[in-house]
């Protein structure tokens, strides 16, 4: 299941339990409420190419945790 779908489902559950949209926005680390509404209202179907940002992760999880292969 793609990540946007999982996130959308998770936060629709929060909404169903009465969690305010502003709190959900913070949990999703969105600076713009419109981005949060994409997940809450339309899920993955509402996402467009311009909503994605290419990023890189130059460190492995082991490097971040200082375990280098011990995970």
PDB file of N, CA and C in Angstrom:
ATOM      1  N   UNK A   1       0.860  -1.174   0.000  1.00  0.00           N
ATOM      2  CA  UNK A   1       0.000   0.000   0.000  1.00  0.00           C
ATOM      3  C   UNK A   1       0.907   1.239   0.000  1.00  0.00           C
ATOM      4  N   UNK A   2       0.707   2.176  -0.889  1.00  0.00           N
ATOM      5  CA  UNK A   2       1.547   3.366  -0.937  1.00  0.00           C
ATOM      6  C   UNK A   2       1.427   4.206   0.338  1.00  0.00           C
ATOM      7  N   UNK A   3       2.500   4.901   0.680  1.00  0.00           N
ATOM      8  CA  UNK A   3       2.539   5.715   1.896  1.00  0.00           C
ATOM      9  C   UNK A   3       1.406   6.730   1.967  1.00  0.00           C
ATOM     10  N   UNK A   4       1.079   7.495   0.879  1.00  0.00           N
ATOM     11  CA  UNK A   4      -0.032   8.455   1.014  1.00  0.00           C
ATOM     12  C   UNK A   4      -1.347   7.799   1.412  1.00  0.00           C
ATOM     13  N   UNK A   5      -1.589   6.585   0.941  1.00  0.00           N
ATOM     14  CA  UNK A   5      -2.828   5.887   1.285  1.00  0.00           C
ATOM     15  C   UNK A   5      -2.819   5.529   2.763  1.00  0.00           C
ATOM     16  N   UNK A   6      -1.710   5.025   3.265  1.00  0.00           N
ATOM     17  CA  UNK A   6      -1.604   4.648   4.668  1.00  0.00           C
ATOM     18  C   UNK A   6      -1.774   5.872   5.551  1.00  0.00           C
ATOM     19  N   UNK A   7      -1.101   6.954   5.201  1.00  0.00           N
ATOM     20  CA  UNK A   7      -1.220   8.180   5.991  1.00  0.00           C
ATOM     21  C   UNK A   7      -2.645   8.713   5.953  1.00  0.00           C
ATOM     22  N   UNK A   8      -3.253   8.694   4.779  1.00  0.00           N
ATOM     23  CA  UNK A   8      -4.626   9.184   4.650  1.00  0.00           C
ATOM     24  C   UNK A   8      -5.599   8.393   5.493  1.00  0.00           C
ATOM     25  N   UNK A   9      -5.468   7.083   5.478  1.00  0.00           N
ATOM     26  CA  UNK A   9      -6.349   6.230   6.279  1.00  0.00           C
ATOM     27  C   UNK A   9      -6.133   6.515   7.766  1.00  0.00           C
ATOM     28  N   UNK A  10      -4.879   6.582   8.165  1.00  0.00           N
ATOM     29  CA  UNK A  10      -4.569   6.829   9.577  1.00  0.00           C
ATOM     30  C   UNK A  10      -5.167   8.121  10.077  1.00  0.00           C
ATOM     31  N   UNK A  11      -5.058   9.163   9.280  1.00  0.00           N
ATOM     32  CA  UNK A  11      -5.536  10.446   9.750  1.00  0.00           C
ATOM     33  C   UNK A  11      -7.036  10.631   9.569  1.00  0.00           C
ATOM     34  N   UNK A  12      -7.656   9.864   8.675  1.00  0.00           N
ATOM     35  CA  UNK A  12      -9.121   9.856   8.632  1.00  0.00           C
ATOM     36  C   UNK A  12      -9.671   9.172   9.888  1.00  0.00           C
ATOM     37  N   UNK A  13      -8.928   8.206  10.412  1.00  0.00           N
ATOM     38  CA  UNK A  13      -9.322   7.565  11.672  1.00  0.00           C
ATOM     39  C   UNK A  13      -9.246   8.586  12.811  1.00  0.00           C
ATOM     40  N   UNK A  14      -8.167   9.378  12.850  1.00  0.00           N
ATOM     41  CA  UNK A  14      -8.065  10.435  13.857  1.00  0.00           C
ATOM     42  C   UNK A  14      -9.262  11.384  13.758  1.00  0.00           C
ATOM     43  N   UNK A  15      -9.617  11.766  12.538  1.00  0.00           N
ATOM     44  CA  UNK A  15     -10.758  12.664  12.335  1.00  0.00           C
ATOM     45  C   UNK A  15     -12.037  12.036  12.867  1.00  0.00           C
ATOM     46  N   UNK A  16     -12.238  10.761  12.575  1.00  0.00           N
ATOM     47  CA  UNK A  16     -13.442  10.064  13.035  1.00  0.00           C
ATOM     48  C   UNK A  16     -13.522  10.021  14.559  1.00  0.00           C
ATOM     49  N   UNK A  17     -12.361  10.108  15.213  1.00  0.00           N
ATOM     50  CA  UNK A  17     -12.337  10.099  16.680  1.00  0.00           C
ATOM     51  C   UNK A  17     -12.352  11.507  17.261  1.00  0.00           C
ATOM     52  N   UNK A  18     -12.602  12.490  16.405  1.00  0.00           N
ATOM     53  CA  UNK A  18     -12.769  13.851  16.885  1.00  0.00           C
ATOM     54  C   UNK A  18     -11.498  14.663  17.064  1.00  0.00           C
ATOM     55  N   UNK A  19     -10.372  14.169  16.569  1.00  0.00           N
ATOM     56  CA  UNK A  19      -9.127  14.936  16.679  1.00  0.00           C
ATOM     57  C   UNK A  19      -9.220  16.135  15.735  1.00  0.00           C
ATOM     58  N   UNK A  20      -8.959  17.346  16.229  1.00  0.00           N
ATOM     59  CA  UNK A  20      -9.054  18.536  15.383  1.00  0.00           C
ATOM     60  C   UNK A  20      -8.079  18.491  14.200  1.00  0.00           C
ATOM     61  N   UNK A  21      -8.515  19.052  13.070  1.00  0.00           N
ATOM     62  CA  UNK A  21      -7.690  19.043  11.862  1.00  0.00           C
ATOM     63  C   UNK A  21      -6.329  19.699  12.100  1.00  0.00           C
ATOM     64  N   UNK A  22      -6.282  20.750  12.915  1.00  0.00           N
ATOM     65  CA  UNK A  22      -5.013  21.429  13.208  1.00  0.00           C
ATOM     66  C   UNK A  22      -4.028  20.469  13.883  1.00  0.00           C
ATOM     67  N   UNK A  23      -4.508  19.628  14.782  1.00  0.00           N
ATOM     68  CA  UNK A  23      -3.645  18.649  15.437  1.00  0.00           C
ATOM     69  C   UNK A  23      -3.179  17.587  14.448  1.00  0.00           C
ATOM     70  N   UNK A  24      -4.078  17.181  13.565  1.00  0.00           N
ATOM     71  CA  UNK A  24      -3.706  16.206  12.538  1.00  0.00           C
ATOM     72  C   UNK A  24      -2.645  16.811  11.626  1.00  0.00           C
ATOM     73  N   UNK A  25      -2.819  18.062  11.269  1.00  0.00           N
ATOM     74  CA  UNK A  25      -1.827  18.751  10.433  1.00  0.00           C
ATOM     75  C   UNK A  25      -0.457  18.696  11.094  1.00  0.00           C
ATOM     76  N   UNK A  26      -0.396  18.950  12.380  1.00  0.00           N
ATOM     77  CA  UNK A  26       0.881  18.907  13.109  1.00  0.00           C
ATOM     78  C   UNK A  26       1.460  17.502  13.146  1.00  0.00           C
ATOM     79  N   UNK A  27       0.609  16.505  13.357  1.00  0.00           N
ATOM     80  CA  UNK A  27       1.087  15.123  13.357  1.00  0.00           C
ATOM     81  C   UNK A  27       1.690  14.733  12.006  1.00  0.00           C
ATOM     82  N   UNK A  28       1.107  15.270  10.934  1.00  0.00           N
ATOM     83  CA  UNK A  28       1.588  14.953   9.589  1.00  0.00           C
ATOM     84  C   UNK A  28       2.763  15.836   9.180  1.00  0.00           C
ATOM     85  N   UNK A  29       3.132  16.773  10.031  1.00  0.00           N
ATOM     86  CA  UNK A  29       4.212  17.744   9.798  1.00  0.00           C
ATOM     87  C   UNK A  29       3.989  18.568   8.540  1.00  0.00           C
ATOM     88  N   UNK A  30       2.738  18.937   8.303  1.00  0.00           N
ATOM     89  CA  UNK A  30       2.409  19.802   7.168  1.00  0.00           C
ATOM     90  C   UNK A  30       2.396  21.256   7.630  1.00  0.00           C
ATOM     91  N   UNK A  31       3.090  22.123   6.899  1.00  0.00           N
ATOM     92  CA  UNK A  31       3.054  23.541   7.237  1.00  0.00           C
ATOM     93  C   UNK A  31       1.814  24.216   6.660  1.00  0.00           C
ATOM     94  N   UNK A  32       1.211  23.605   5.638  1.00  0.00           N
ATOM     95  CA  UNK A  32       0.056  24.191   4.963  1.00  0.00           C
ATOM     96  C   UNK A  32      -1.172  23.310   5.203  1.00  0.00           C
ATOM     97  N   UNK A  33      -2.246  23.870   5.777  1.00  0.00           N
ATOM     98  CA  UNK A  33      -3.450  23.072   6.013  1.00  0.00           C
ATOM     99  C   UNK A  33      -4.028  22.461   4.735  1.00  0.00           C
ATOM    100  N   UNK A  34      -3.803  23.104   3.599  1.00  0.00           N
ATOM    101  CA  UNK A  34      -4.319  22.560   2.333  1.00  0.00           C
ATOM    102  C   UNK A  34      -3.699  21.200   2.023  1.00  0.00           C
ATOM    103  N   UNK A  35      -2.453  21.018   2.403  1.00  0.00           N
ATOM    104  CA  UNK A  35      -1.792  19.728   2.171  1.00  0.00           C
ATOM    105  C   UNK A  35      -2.449  18.647   3.015  1.00  0.00           C
ATOM    106  N   UNK A  36      -2.758  18.966   4.254  1.00  0.00           N
ATOM    107  CA  UNK A  36      -3.418  17.995   5.124  1.00  0.00           C
ATOM    108  C   UNK A  36      -4.779  17.613   4.553  1.00  0.00           C
ATOM    109  N   UNK A  37      -5.499  18.599   4.030  1.00  0.00           N
ATOM    110  CA  UNK A  37      -6.820  18.319   3.468  1.00  0.00           C
ATOM    111  C   UNK A  37      -6.738  17.383   2.259  1.00  0.00           C
ATOM    112  N   UNK A  38      -5.628  17.409   1.529  1.00  0.00           N
ATOM    113  CA  UNK A  38      -5.455  16.472   0.416  1.00  0.00           C
ATOM    114  C   UNK A  38      -5.574  15.046   0.938  1.00  0.00           C
ATOM    115  N   UNK A  39      -4.891  14.768   2.041  1.00  0.00           N
ATOM    116  CA  UNK A  39      -4.933  13.426   2.622  1.00  0.00           C
ATOM    117  C   UNK A  39      -6.303  13.117   3.208  1.00  0.00           C
ATOM    118  N   UNK A  40      -6.891  14.082   3.902  1.00  0.00           N
ATOM    119  CA  UNK A  40      -8.157  13.841   4.579  1.00  0.00           C
ATOM    120  C   UNK A  40      -9.328  13.737   3.608  1.00  0.00           C
ATOM    121  N   UNK A  41      -9.324  14.560   2.578  1.00  0.00           N
ATOM    122  CA  UNK A  41     -10.462  14.607   1.663  1.00  0.00           C
ATOM    123  C   UNK A  41     -10.360  13.628   0.508  1.00  0.00           C
ATOM    124  N   UNK A  42      -9.200  13.576  -0.129  1.00  0.00           N
ATOM    125  CA  UNK A  42      -9.115  12.787  -1.344  1.00  0.00           C
ATOM    126  C   UNK A  42      -8.156  11.625  -1.327  1.00  0.00           C
ATOM    127  N   UNK A  43      -7.319  11.555  -0.315  1.00  0.00           N
ATOM    128  CA  UNK A  43      -6.350  10.474  -0.253  1.00  0.00           C
ATOM    129  C   UNK A  43      -5.397  10.504  -1.436  1.00  0.00           C
ATOM    130  N   UNK A  44      -4.871   9.366  -1.799  1.00  0.00           N
ATOM    131  CA  UNK A  44      -3.872   9.269  -2.862  1.00  0.00           C
ATOM    132  C   UNK A  44      -4.408   9.747  -4.205  1.00  0.00           C
ATOM    133  N   UNK A  45      -5.715   9.617  -4.431  1.00  0.00           N
ATOM    134  CA  UNK A  45      -6.293  10.026  -5.710  1.00  0.00           C
ATOM    135  C   UNK A  45      -6.181  11.533  -5.924  1.00  0.00           C
ATOM    136  N   UNK A  46      -6.100  12.310  -4.841  1.00  0.00           N
ATOM    137  CA  UNK A  46      -6.022  13.764  -4.951  1.00  0.00           C
ATOM    138  C   UNK A  46      -4.600  14.274  -5.140  1.00  0.00           C
ATOM    139  N   UNK A  47      -3.610  13.404  -4.948  1.00  0.00           N
ATOM    140  CA  UNK A  47      -2.223  13.835  -5.070  1.00  0.00           C
ATOM    141  C   UNK A  47      -1.823  13.968  -6.533  1.00  0.00           C
ATOM    142  N   UNK A  48      -1.109  15.033  -6.827  1.00  0.00           N
ATOM    143  CA  UNK A  48      -0.620  15.296  -8.178  1.00  0.00           C
ATOM    144  C   UNK A  48       0.900  15.344  -8.145  1.00  0.00           C
ATOM    145  N   UNK A  49       1.525  15.265  -9.308  1.00  0.00           N
ATOM    146  CA  UNK A  49       2.982  15.269  -9.370  1.00  0.00           C
ATOM    147  C   UNK A  49       3.593  16.450  -8.631  1.00  0.00           C
ATOM    148  N   UNK A  50       2.962  17.630  -8.698  1.00  0.00           N
ATOM    149  CA  UNK A  50       3.541  18.814  -8.059  1.00  0.00           C
ATOM    150  C   UNK A  50       3.478  18.757  -6.528  1.00  0.00           C
ATOM    151  N   UNK A  51       2.740  17.806  -5.977  1.00  0.00           N
ATOM    152  CA  UNK A  51       2.695  17.659  -4.526  1.00  0.00           C
ATOM    153  C   UNK A  51       3.914  16.908  -3.993  1.00  0.00           C
ATOM    154  N   UNK A  52       4.646  16.245  -4.860  1.00  0.00           N
ATOM    155  CA  UNK A  52       5.803  15.462  -4.449  1.00  0.00           C
ATOM    156  C   UNK A  52       7.074  16.279  -4.601  1.00  0.00           C
ATOM    157  N   UNK A  53       7.988  16.103  -3.677  1.00  0.00           N
ATOM    158  CA  UNK A  53       9.276  16.774  -3.714  1.00  0.00           C
ATOM    159  C   UNK A  53      10.358  15.707  -3.649  1.00  0.00           C
ATOM    160  N   UNK A  54      11.295  15.759  -4.576  1.00  0.00           N
ATOM    161  CA  UNK A  54      12.390  14.797  -4.594  1.00  0.00           C
ATOM    162  C   UNK A  54      13.362  15.115  -3.468  1.00  0.00           C
ATOM    163  N   UNK A  55      13.659  14.132  -2.653  1.00  0.00           N
ATOM    164  CA  UNK A  55      14.610  14.291  -1.558  1.00  0.00           C
ATOM    165  C   UNK A  55      15.592  13.134  -1.585  1.00  0.00           C
ATOM    166  N   UNK A  56      16.689  13.290  -0.879  1.00  0.00           N
ATOM    167  CA  UNK A  56      17.637  12.188  -0.753  1.00  0.00           C
ATOM    168  C   UNK A  56      17.909  11.966   0.722  1.00  0.00           C
ATOM    169  N   UNK A  57      18.302  10.769   1.039  1.00  0.00           N
ATOM    170  CA  UNK A  57      18.636  10.414   2.411  1.00  0.00           C
ATOM    171  C   UNK A  57      20.063   9.860   2.405  1.00  0.00           C
ATOM    172  N   UNK A  58      21.056  10.734   2.602  1.00  0.00           N
ATOM    173  CA  UNK A  58      22.434  10.305   2.475  1.00  0.00           C
ATOM    174  C   UNK A  58      22.930   9.403   3.599  1.00  0.00           C
ATOM    175  N   UNK A  59      22.198   9.311   4.697  1.00  0.00           N
ATOM    176  CA  UNK A  59      22.609   8.446   5.807  1.00  0.00           C
ATOM    177  C   UNK A  59      21.712   7.222   5.881  1.00  0.00           C
ATOM    178  N   UNK A  60      22.308   6.095   6.213  1.00  0.00           N
ATOM    179  CA  UNK A  60      21.505   4.904   6.470  1.00  0.00           C
ATOM    180  C   UNK A  60      20.956   4.987   7.884  1.00  0.00           C
ATOM    181  N   UNK A  61      19.977   4.166   8.193  1.00  0.00           N
ATOM    182  CA  UNK A  61      19.417   4.144   9.537  1.00  0.00           C
ATOM    183  C   UNK A  61      20.506   3.793  10.548  1.00  0.00           C
ATOM    184  N   UNK A  62      21.360   2.844  10.209  1.00  0.00           N
ATOM    185  CA  UNK A  62      22.464   2.463  11.095  1.00  0.00           C
ATOM    186  C   UNK A  62      23.403   3.622  11.376  1.00  0.00           C
ATOM    187  N   UNK A  63      23.695   4.413  10.354  1.00  0.00           N
ATOM    188  CA  UNK A  63      24.561   5.584  10.550  1.00  0.00           C
ATOM    189  C   UNK A  63      23.895   6.620  11.454  1.00  0.00           C
ATOM    190  N   UNK A  64      22.602   6.809  11.277  1.00  0.00           N
ATOM    191  CA  UNK A  64      21.892   7.780  12.108  1.00  0.00           C
ATOM    192  C   UNK A  64      21.873   7.344  13.571  1.00  0.00           C
ATOM    193  N   UNK A  65      21.711   6.036  13.790  1.00  0.00           N
ATOM    194  CA  UNK A  65      21.625   5.505  15.151  1.00  0.00           C
ATOM    195  C   UNK A  65      22.979   5.162  15.738  1.00  0.00           C
ATOM    196  N   UNK A  66      24.005   5.200  14.886  1.00  0.00           N
ATOM    197  CA  UNK A  66      25.339   4.871  15.359  1.00  0.00           C
ATOM    198  C   UNK A  66      25.563   3.394  15.528  1.00  0.00           C
ATOM    199  N   UNK A  67      24.790   2.544  14.852  1.00  0.00           N
ATOM    200  CA  UNK A  67      24.912   1.099  15.047  1.00  0.00           C
ATOM    201  C   UNK A  67      25.613   0.392  13.892  1.00  0.00           C
ATOM    202  N   UNK A  68      25.657   0.993  12.728  1.00  0.00           N
ATOM    203  CA  UNK A  68      26.341   0.467  11.531  1.00  0.00           C
ATOM    204  C   UNK A  68      26.229  -1.070  11.409  1.00  0.00           C
ATOM    205  N   UNK A  69      25.088  -1.503  10.949  1.00  0.00           N
ATOM    206  CA  UNK A  69      24.887  -2.919  10.666  1.00  0.00           C
ATOM    207  C   UNK A  69      24.427  -3.753  11.837  1.00  0.00           C
ATOM    208  N   UNK A  70      24.187  -3.159  12.978  1.00  0.00           N
ATOM    209  CA  UNK A  70      23.759  -3.909  14.157  1.00  0.00           C
ATOM    210  C   UNK A  70      22.248  -3.881  14.345  1.00  0.00           C
ATOM    211  N   UNK A  71      21.528  -3.325  13.357  1.00  0.00           N
ATOM    212  CA  UNK A  71      20.075  -3.217  13.489  1.00  0.00           C
ATOM    213  C   UNK A  71      19.441  -4.544  13.164  1.00  0.00           C
TER     214      UNK A  71
END
